[in-house]
Every structure is written in C-alpha cells, then in structure tokens.
C-alpha cells in the first residue's frame, strides 16, 4: 500500500485513491466537518485554493488525489 506525507501532517497509507480520501476525511473531521466524501473533497479543495492557490478538482476521486499530489499536499514516502 502506498504511503504519503500530508502537508503539515504525518504519513497516511491507503490501498486506493478512495481509501486515501476516506483516510484524509477521517483525519480532518475536526477542521472540515463533512457528511459525505463529496462534501469533504469540496471543503479541502476550497482550503487548498486559499492556502496556495491550488485548483483541486472534485469531479472524481482520481482527479482530486492527482491535484493534491500536484499541489504538494500529498507527497510519496
């Protein structure tokens, strides 16, 4: 399973992109409360835009993860 470092946080491991989003969501519940995966992705995308201007797509889990990697929010360990 791939492991990534979260910008400003620790490592996170998941077997798939969806598993990675779910793990990120669980880790971030205190600062991005969300009912659904889609709500979480939209909330994190908005935070990424504010933090460094990154545009993070939320149309699919794969695009969301790809954009988090491209923006430096997730880096492979």
Protein backbone atom coordinates (compact mmCIF):
# COMPACT_ATOMS: atom_id res chain seq x y z
CA UNK A 1 0.00 0.00 0.00
CA UNK A 2 1.35 3.42 -0.88
CA UNK A 3 2.17 5.87 1.89
CA UNK A 4 2.09 9.66 1.55
CA UNK A 5 3.05 12.53 3.79
CA UNK A 6 0.30 15.09 4.27
CA UNK A 7 1.47 18.71 4.03
CA UNK A 8 1.56 19.95 7.61
CA UNK A 9 0.77 16.49 8.97
CA UNK A 10 2.08 12.98 9.17
CA UNK A 11 2.03 9.91 6.97
CA UNK A 12 -1.13 8.30 5.62
CA UNK A 13 -1.45 4.90 3.95
CA UNK A 14 -4.25 3.54 1.78
CA UNK A 15 -4.76 0.82 -0.80
CA UNK A 16 -6.66 3.02 -3.28
CA UNK A 17 -7.47 6.63 -4.12
CA UNK A 18 -10.88 6.23 -2.49
CA UNK A 19 -9.27 4.74 0.61
CA UNK A 20 -6.88 7.68 0.69
CA UNK A 21 -9.74 10.20 0.52
CA UNK A 22 -11.58 8.33 3.28
CA UNK A 23 -8.46 8.32 5.48
CA UNK A 24 -7.89 12.03 4.83
CA UNK A 25 -11.53 12.73 5.66
CA UNK A 26 -11.31 10.86 8.97
CA UNK A 27 -8.10 12.70 9.85
CA UNK A 28 -9.63 16.11 9.03
CA UNK A 29 -13.07 15.83 10.66
CA UNK A 30 -12.25 18.48 13.27
CA UNK A 31 -11.47 21.19 10.68
CA UNK A 32 -13.57 20.08 7.71
CA UNK A 33 -16.75 18.54 9.12
CA UNK A 34 -18.49 16.75 6.28
CA UNK A 35 -21.35 14.39 5.74
CA UNK A 36 -20.12 12.85 2.52
CA UNK A 37 -16.91 12.24 0.63
CA UNK A 38 -18.03 14.83 -1.93
CA UNK A 39 -18.56 17.45 0.80
CA UNK A 40 -15.11 16.71 2.19
CA UNK A 41 -13.44 16.98 -1.21
CA UNK A 42 -15.14 20.33 -1.88
CA UNK A 43 -14.10 21.63 1.55
CA UNK A 44 -10.48 20.54 1.17
CA UNK A 45 -10.34 21.94 -2.38
CA UNK A 46 -11.51 25.32 -1.05
CA UNK A 47 -8.82 25.24 1.66
CA UNK A 48 -6.15 24.33 -0.91
CA UNK A 49 -7.22 27.29 -3.06
CA UNK A 50 -6.93 29.64 -0.06
CA UNK A 51 -3.62 28.18 1.13
CA UNK A 52 -1.55 28.36 -2.03
CA UNK A 53 -3.87 28.99 -4.98
CA UNK A 54 -4.05 25.33 -5.99
CA UNK A 55 -7.00 24.29 -8.09
CA UNK A 56 -8.14 20.87 -6.89
CA UNK A 57 -10.81 19.21 -9.00
CA UNK A 58 -13.63 17.42 -7.19
CA UNK A 59 -15.30 15.75 -10.17
CA UNK A 60 -13.68 12.40 -9.34
CA UNK A 61 -11.63 10.83 -6.57
CA UNK A 62 -8.77 10.16 -9.02
CA UNK A 63 -8.61 13.81 -10.16
CA UNK A 64 -8.87 15.02 -6.56
CA UNK A 65 -5.90 12.91 -5.44
CA UNK A 66 -3.89 13.79 -8.57
CA UNK A 67 -4.40 17.51 -7.89
CA UNK A 68 -3.48 17.17 -4.20
CA UNK A 69 -0.24 15.49 -5.29
CA UNK A 70 0.44 18.15 -7.95
CA UNK A 71 -0.19 20.92 -5.41
CA UNK A 72 2.25 19.42 -2.91
CA UNK A 73 -0.41 18.48 -0.36
CA UNK A 74 0.44 14.77 -0.68
CA UNK A 75 3.98 13.57 -1.30
CA UNK A 76 5.05 9.92 -1.66
CA UNK A 77 7.17 8.49 1.13
